[in-house]
């Protein structure tokens, strides 16, 4: 133990800890963005699917208005 260089170990250990911390932070944000993207896509398409009748009513009403103008 007397021959170990303490400053070298501290620099190596702290740099390794910093790199692992930055890597885990990047992975956390990447997975968070992927989760939010998938969730927003899922909610959008579920919302569109559940409002299918409303969209059909709006389109019919728009067609009626267009035919009245013509």
PDB file of N, CA and C in Angstrom:
ATOM      1  N   UNK A   1       0.820  -1.201   0.000  1.00  0.00           N
ATOM      2  CA  UNK A   1       0.000   0.000   0.000  1.00  0.00           C
ATOM      3  C   UNK A   1       0.858   1.256   0.000  1.00  0.00           C
ATOM      4  N   UNK A   2       2.085   1.168   0.485  1.00  0.00           N
ATOM      5  CA  UNK A   2       2.914   2.357   0.585  1.00  0.00           C
ATOM      6  C   UNK A   2       3.399   2.814  -0.785  1.00  0.00           C
ATOM      7  N   UNK A   3       3.440   1.924  -1.763  1.00  0.00           N
ATOM      8  CA  UNK A   3       3.941   2.287  -3.075  1.00  0.00           C
ATOM      9  C   UNK A   3       2.871   2.830  -4.022  1.00  0.00           C
ATOM     10  N   UNK A   4       1.597   2.799  -3.610  1.00  0.00           N
ATOM     11  CA  UNK A   4       0.535   3.325  -4.467  1.00  0.00           C
ATOM     12  C   UNK A   4       0.621   4.832  -4.549  1.00  0.00           C
ATOM     13  N   UNK A   5       0.375   5.350  -5.742  1.00  0.00           N
ATOM     14  CA  UNK A   5       0.373   6.795  -5.906  1.00  0.00           C
ATOM     15  C   UNK A   5      -1.058   7.302  -5.708  1.00  0.00           C
ATOM     16  N   UNK A   6      -1.275   7.964  -4.607  1.00  0.00           N
ATOM     17  CA  UNK A   6      -2.618   8.421  -4.248  1.00  0.00           C
ATOM     18  C   UNK A   6      -3.154   9.452  -5.239  1.00  0.00           C
ATOM     19  N   UNK A   7      -2.396  10.468  -5.683  1.00  0.00           N
ATOM     20  CA  UNK A   7      -2.967  11.426  -6.638  1.00  0.00           C
ATOM     21  C   UNK A   7      -3.381  10.773  -7.949  1.00  0.00           C
ATOM     22  N   UNK A   8      -2.624   9.815  -8.421  1.00  0.00           N
ATOM     23  CA  UNK A   8      -2.993   9.114  -9.646  1.00  0.00           C
ATOM     24  C   UNK A   8      -4.282   8.330  -9.480  1.00  0.00           C
ATOM     25  N   UNK A   9      -4.425   7.673  -8.330  1.00  0.00           N
ATOM     26  CA  UNK A   9      -5.652   6.932  -8.066  1.00  0.00           C
ATOM     27  C   UNK A   9      -6.847   7.870  -7.941  1.00  0.00           C
ATOM     28  N   UNK A  10      -6.651   8.998  -7.307  1.00  0.00           N
ATOM     29  CA  UNK A  10      -7.743   9.958  -7.155  1.00  0.00           C
ATOM     30  C   UNK A  10      -8.168  10.527  -8.498  1.00  0.00           C
ATOM     31  N   UNK A  11      -7.211  10.879  -9.331  1.00  0.00           N
ATOM     32  CA  UNK A  11      -7.532  11.428 -10.642  1.00  0.00           C
ATOM     33  C   UNK A  11      -8.211  10.363 -11.508  1.00  0.00           C
ATOM     34  N   UNK A  12      -7.670   9.160 -11.512  1.00  0.00           N
ATOM     35  CA  UNK A  12      -8.256   8.079 -12.300  1.00  0.00           C
ATOM     36  C   UNK A  12      -9.643   7.702 -11.809  1.00  0.00           C
ATOM     37  N   UNK A  13      -9.793   7.579 -10.515  1.00  0.00           N
ATOM     38  CA  UNK A  13     -11.096   7.210  -9.953  1.00  0.00           C
ATOM     39  C   UNK A  13     -12.137   8.285 -10.142  1.00  0.00           C
ATOM     40  N   UNK A  14     -11.747   9.539  -9.950  1.00  0.00           N
ATOM     41  CA  UNK A  14     -12.724  10.611 -10.109  1.00  0.00           C
ATOM     42  C   UNK A  14     -13.108  10.797 -11.577  1.00  0.00           C
ATOM     43  N   UNK A  15     -12.147  10.636 -12.484  1.00  0.00           N
ATOM     44  CA  UNK A  15     -12.487  10.764 -13.901  1.00  0.00           C
ATOM     45  C   UNK A  15     -13.380   9.610 -14.350  1.00  0.00           C
ATOM     46  N   UNK A  16     -13.120   8.408 -13.845  1.00  0.00           N
ATOM     47  CA  UNK A  16     -13.966   7.264 -14.165  1.00  0.00           C
ATOM     48  C   UNK A  16     -15.377   7.468 -13.609  1.00  0.00           C
ATOM     49  N   UNK A  17     -15.465   7.975 -12.397  1.00  0.00           N
ATOM     50  CA  UNK A  17     -16.764   8.256 -11.795  1.00  0.00           C
ATOM     51  C   UNK A  17     -17.507   9.319 -12.584  1.00  0.00           C
ATOM     52  N   UNK A  18     -16.817  10.351 -13.009  1.00  0.00           N
ATOM     53  CA  UNK A  18     -17.441  11.410 -13.797  1.00  0.00           C
ATOM     54  C   UNK A  18     -17.941  10.880 -15.138  1.00  0.00           C
ATOM     55  N   UNK A  19     -17.141  10.069 -15.808  1.00  0.00           N
ATOM     56  CA  UNK A  19     -17.553   9.503 -17.088  1.00  0.00           C
ATOM     57  C   UNK A  19     -18.760   8.579 -16.939  1.00  0.00           C
ATOM     58  N   UNK A  20     -18.753   7.758 -15.904  1.00  0.00           N
ATOM     59  CA  UNK A  20     -19.900   6.881 -15.671  1.00  0.00           C
ATOM     60  C   UNK A  20     -21.148   7.679 -15.317  1.00  0.00           C
ATOM     61  N   UNK A  21     -20.982   8.750 -14.556  1.00  0.00           N
ATOM     62  CA  UNK A  21     -22.118   9.608 -14.217  1.00  0.00           C
ATOM     63  C   UNK A  21     -22.700  10.288 -15.444  1.00  0.00           C
ATOM     64  N   UNK A  22     -21.841  10.811 -16.312  1.00  0.00           N
ATOM     65  CA  UNK A  22     -22.329  11.453 -17.540  1.00  0.00           C
ATOM     66  C   UNK A  22     -22.982  10.451 -18.468  1.00  0.00           C
ATOM     67  N   UNK A  23     -22.422   9.240 -18.555  1.00  0.00           N
ATOM     68  CA  UNK A  23     -23.004   8.203 -19.398  1.00  0.00           C
ATOM     69  C   UNK A  23     -24.386   7.796 -18.904  1.00  0.00           C
ATOM     70  N   UNK A  24     -24.530   7.633 -17.583  1.00  0.00           N
ATOM     71  CA  UNK A  24     -25.830   7.248 -17.032  1.00  0.00           C
ATOM     72  C   UNK A  24     -26.838   8.382 -17.178  1.00  0.00           C
ATOM     73  N   UNK A  25     -26.404   9.628 -17.056  1.00  0.00           N
ATOM     74  CA  UNK A  25     -27.297  10.767 -17.247  1.00  0.00           C
ATOM     75  C   UNK A  25     -27.781  10.841 -18.692  1.00  0.00           C
ATOM     76  N   UNK A  26     -26.885  10.601 -19.632  1.00  0.00           N
ATOM     77  CA  UNK A  26     -27.268  10.608 -21.051  1.00  0.00           C
ATOM     78  C   UNK A  26     -28.256   9.485 -21.350  1.00  0.00           C
ATOM     79  N   UNK A  27     -28.014   8.309 -20.788  1.00  0.00           N
ATOM     80  CA  UNK A  27     -28.939   7.194 -20.993  1.00  0.00           C
ATOM     81  C   UNK A  27     -30.292   7.480 -20.370  1.00  0.00           C
ATOM     82  N   UNK A  28     -30.298   8.125 -19.218  1.00  0.00           N
ATOM     83  CA  UNK A  28     -31.557   8.470 -18.563  1.00  0.00           C
ATOM     84  C   UNK A  28     -32.370   9.418 -19.434  1.00  0.00           C
ATOM     85  N   UNK A  29     -31.743  10.474 -19.942  1.00  0.00           N
ATOM     86  CA  UNK A  29     -32.471  11.433 -20.767  1.00  0.00           C
ATOM     87  C   UNK A  29     -32.908  10.821 -22.099  1.00  0.00           C
ATOM     88  N   UNK A  30     -32.094   9.955 -22.662  1.00  0.00           N
ATOM     89  CA  UNK A  30     -32.472   9.296 -23.910  1.00  0.00           C
ATOM     90  C   UNK A  30     -33.681   8.399 -23.698  1.00  0.00           C
ATOM     91  N   UNK A  31     -33.668   7.624 -22.633  1.00  0.00           N
ATOM     92  CA  UNK A  31     -34.806   6.741 -22.366  1.00  0.00           C
ATOM     93  C   UNK A  31     -36.046   7.555 -22.012  1.00  0.00           C
ATOM     94  N   UNK A  32     -35.853   8.674 -21.334  1.00  0.00           N
ATOM     95  CA  UNK A  32     -36.991   9.537 -20.996  1.00  0.00           C
ATOM     96  C   UNK A  32     -37.611  10.127 -22.257  1.00  0.00           C
ATOM     97  N   UNK A  33     -36.780  10.583 -23.189  1.00  0.00           N
ATOM     98  CA  UNK A  33     -37.295  11.131 -24.437  1.00  0.00           C
ATOM     99  C   UNK A  33     -37.989  10.060 -25.271  1.00  0.00           C
ATOM    100  N   UNK A  34     -37.426   8.867 -25.307  1.00  0.00           N
ATOM    101  CA  UNK A  34     -38.067   7.767 -26.033  1.00  0.00           C
ATOM    102  C   UNK A  34     -39.418   7.422 -25.422  1.00  0.00           C
ATOM    103  N   UNK A  35     -39.486   7.374 -24.099  1.00  0.00           N
ATOM    104  CA  UNK A  35     -40.743   7.065 -23.420  1.00  0.00           C
ATOM    105  C   UNK A  35     -41.791   8.125 -23.711  1.00  0.00           C
ATOM    106  N   UNK A  36     -41.424   9.402 -23.596  1.00  0.00           N
ATOM    107  CA  UNK A  36     -42.378  10.478 -23.840  1.00  0.00           C
ATOM    108  C   UNK A  36     -42.823  10.520 -25.293  1.00  0.00           C
ATOM    109  N   UNK A  37     -41.915  10.235 -26.211  1.00  0.00           N
ATOM    110  CA  UNK A  37     -42.273  10.208 -27.622  1.00  0.00           C
ATOM    111  C   UNK A  37     -43.260   9.084 -27.914  1.00  0.00           C
ATOM    112  N   UNK A  38     -42.970   7.905 -27.411  1.00  0.00           N
ATOM    113  CA  UNK A  38     -43.887   6.781 -27.610  1.00  0.00           C
ATOM    114  C   UNK A  38     -45.240   7.037 -26.957  1.00  0.00           C
ATOM    115  N   UNK A  39     -45.239   7.632 -25.769  1.00  0.00           N
ATOM    116  CA  UNK A  39     -46.495   7.895 -25.075  1.00  0.00           C
ATOM    117  C   UNK A  39     -47.323   8.939 -25.812  1.00  0.00           C
ATOM    118  N   UNK A  40     -46.688   9.985 -26.311  1.00  0.00           N
ATOM    119  CA  UNK A  40     -47.444  11.007 -27.038  1.00  0.00           C
ATOM    120  C   UNK A  40     -48.005  10.450 -28.337  1.00  0.00           C
ATOM    121  N   UNK A  41     -47.226   9.610 -29.023  1.00  0.00           N
ATOM    122  CA  UNK A  41     -47.716   8.974 -30.251  1.00  0.00           C
ATOM    123  C   UNK A  41     -48.903   8.061 -29.948  1.00  0.00           C
ATOM    124  N   UNK A  42     -48.799   7.284 -28.877  1.00  0.00           N
ATOM    125  CA  UNK A  42     -49.874   6.383 -28.491  1.00  0.00           C
ATOM    126  C   UNK A  42     -51.127   7.156 -28.121  1.00  0.00           C
ATOM    127  N   UNK A  43     -50.986   8.206 -27.326  1.00  0.00           N
ATOM    128  CA  UNK A  43     -52.148   8.990 -26.914  1.00  0.00           C
ATOM    129  C   UNK A  43     -52.774   9.709 -28.090  1.00  0.00           C
ATOM    130  N   UNK A  44     -51.965  10.189 -29.034  1.00  0.00           N
ATOM    131  CA  UNK A  44     -52.513  10.868 -30.204  1.00  0.00           C
ATOM    132  C   UNK A  44     -53.373   9.917 -31.018  1.00  0.00           C
ATOM    133  N   UNK A  45     -52.849   8.729 -31.311  1.00  0.00           N
ATOM    134  CA  UNK A  45     -53.608   7.798 -32.143  1.00  0.00           C
ATOM    135  C   UNK A  45     -54.811   7.230 -31.405  1.00  0.00           C
ATOM    136  N   UNK A  46     -54.716   7.063 -30.084  1.00  0.00           N
ATOM    137  CA  UNK A  46     -55.900   6.638 -29.334  1.00  0.00           C
ATOM    138  C   UNK A  46     -56.952   7.729 -29.340  1.00  0.00           C
ATOM    139  N   UNK A  47     -56.519   8.984 -29.256  1.00  0.00           N
ATOM    140  CA  UNK A  47     -57.447  10.105 -29.281  1.00  0.00           C
ATOM    141  C   UNK A  47     -58.125  10.197 -30.641  1.00  0.00           C
ATOM    142  N   UNK A  48     -57.364  10.017 -31.708  1.00  0.00           N
ATOM    143  CA  UNK A  48     -57.939  10.054 -33.049  1.00  0.00           C
ATOM    144  C   UNK A  48     -58.932   8.906 -33.221  1.00  0.00           C
ATOM    145  N   UNK A  49     -58.592   7.733 -32.733  1.00  0.00           N
ATOM    146  CA  UNK A  49     -59.471   6.578 -32.878  1.00  0.00           C
ATOM    147  C   UNK A  49     -60.755   6.755 -32.073  1.00  0.00           C
ATOM    148  N   UNK A  50     -60.662   7.357 -30.886  1.00  0.00           N
ATOM    149  CA  UNK A  50     -61.855   7.519 -30.066  1.00  0.00           C
ATOM    150  C   UNK A  50     -62.736   8.660 -30.570  1.00  0.00           C
ATOM    151  N   UNK A  51     -62.180   9.603 -31.339  1.00  0.00           N
ATOM    152  CA  UNK A  51     -62.957  10.724 -31.868  1.00  0.00           C
ATOM    153  C   UNK A  51     -63.304  10.538 -33.341  1.00  0.00           C
ATOM    154  N   UNK A  52     -63.348   9.302 -33.792  1.00  0.00           N
ATOM    155  CA  UNK A  52     -63.622   9.024 -35.195  1.00  0.00           C
ATOM    156  C   UNK A  52     -64.999   9.545 -35.604  1.00  0.00           C
ATOM    157  N   UNK A  53     -65.987   9.370 -34.763  1.00  0.00           N
ATOM    158  CA  UNK A  53     -67.344   9.826 -35.074  1.00  0.00           C
ATOM    159  C   UNK A  53     -67.413  11.350 -35.103  1.00  0.00           C
ATOM    160  N   UNK A  54     -66.676  11.988 -34.205  1.00  0.00           N
ATOM    161  CA  UNK A  54     -66.648  13.452 -34.189  1.00  0.00           C
ATOM    162  C   UNK A  54     -66.026  13.987 -35.464  1.00  0.00           C
ATOM    163  N   UNK A  55     -64.942  13.370 -35.914  1.00  0.00           N
ATOM    164  CA  UNK A  55     -64.315  13.801 -37.163  1.00  0.00           C
ATOM    165  C   UNK A  55     -65.254  13.616 -38.345  1.00  0.00           C
ATOM    166  N   UNK A  56     -65.983  12.503 -38.364  1.00  0.00           N
ATOM    167  CA  UNK A  56     -66.929  12.265 -39.447  1.00  0.00           C
ATOM    168  C   UNK A  56     -68.027  13.323 -39.446  1.00  0.00           C
ATOM    169  N   UNK A  57     -68.508  13.709 -38.270  1.00  0.00           N
ATOM    170  CA  UNK A  57     -69.544  14.738 -38.170  1.00  0.00           C
ATOM    171  C   UNK A  57     -69.021  16.092 -38.656  1.00  0.00           C
ATOM    172  N   UNK A  58     -67.801  16.426 -38.291  1.00  0.00           N
ATOM    173  CA  UNK A  58     -67.212  17.702 -38.713  1.00  0.00           C
ATOM    174  C   UNK A  58     -67.029  17.728 -40.227  1.00  0.00           C
ATOM    175  N   UNK A  59     -66.582  16.618 -40.799  1.00  0.00           N
ATOM    176  CA  UNK A  59     -66.386  16.557 -42.252  1.00  0.00           C
ATOM    177  C   UNK A  59     -67.724  16.674 -42.971  1.00  0.00           C
ATOM    178  N   UNK A  60     -68.752  15.981 -42.452  1.00  0.00           N
ATOM    179  CA  UNK A  60     -70.079  16.092 -43.070  1.00  0.00           C
ATOM    180  C   UNK A  60     -70.598  17.521 -43.003  1.00  0.00           C
ATOM    181  N   UNK A  61     -70.392  18.157 -41.882  1.00  0.00           N
ATOM    182  CA  UNK A  61     -70.856  19.541 -41.728  1.00  0.00           C
ATOM    183  C   UNK A  61     -70.104  20.473 -42.667  1.00  0.00           C
ATOM    184  N   UNK A  62     -68.820  20.255 -42.836  1.00  0.00           N
ATOM    185  CA  UNK A  62     -68.023  21.081 -43.750  1.00  0.00           C
ATOM    186  C   UNK A  62     -68.489  20.873 -45.189  1.00  0.00           C
ATOM    187  N   UNK A  63     -68.800  19.624 -45.537  1.00  0.00           N
ATOM    188  CA  UNK A  63     -69.312  19.353 -46.893  1.00  0.00           C
ATOM    189  C   UNK A  63     -70.670  20.019 -47.121  1.00  0.00           C
ATOM    190  N   UNK A  64     -71.513  20.015 -46.099  1.00  0.00           N
ATOM    191  CA  UNK A  64     -72.820  20.691 -46.204  1.00  0.00           C
ATOM    192  C   UNK A  64     -72.639  22.196 -46.412  1.00  0.00           C
ATOM    193  N   UNK A  65     -71.712  22.791 -45.650  1.00  0.00           N
ATOM    194  CA  UNK A  65     -71.454  24.222 -45.777  1.00  0.00           C
ATOM    195  C   UNK A  65     -70.900  24.554 -47.166  1.00  0.00           C
ATOM    196  N   UNK A  66     -70.043  23.682 -47.667  1.00  0.00           N
ATOM    197  CA  UNK A  66     -69.471  23.891 -48.990  1.00  0.00           C
ATOM    198  C   UNK A  66     -70.546  23.797 -50.072  1.00  0.00           C
ATOM    199  N   UNK A  67     -71.442  22.833 -49.914  1.00  0.00           N
ATOM    200  CA  UNK A  67     -72.524  22.701 -50.907  1.00  0.00           C
ATOM    201  C   UNK A  67     -73.496  23.884 -50.818  1.00  0.00           C
ATOM    202  N   UNK A  68     -73.700  24.457 -49.633  1.00  0.00           N
ATOM    203  CA  UNK A  68     -74.552  25.647 -49.507  1.00  0.00           C
ATOM    204  C   UNK A  68     -73.919  26.845 -50.211  1.00  0.00           C
ATOM    205  N   UNK A  69     -72.604  26.978 -50.109  1.00  0.00           N
ATOM    206  CA  UNK A  69     -71.930  28.091 -50.766  1.00  0.00           C
ATOM    207  C   UNK A  69     -71.997  27.970 -52.286  1.00  0.00           C
ATOM    208  N   UNK A  70     -71.908  26.754 -52.768  1.00  0.00           N
ATOM    209  CA  UNK A  70     -71.909  26.534 -54.210  1.00  0.00           C
ATOM    210  C   UNK A  70     -73.330  26.762 -54.723  1.00  0.00           C
TER     211      UNK A  70
END
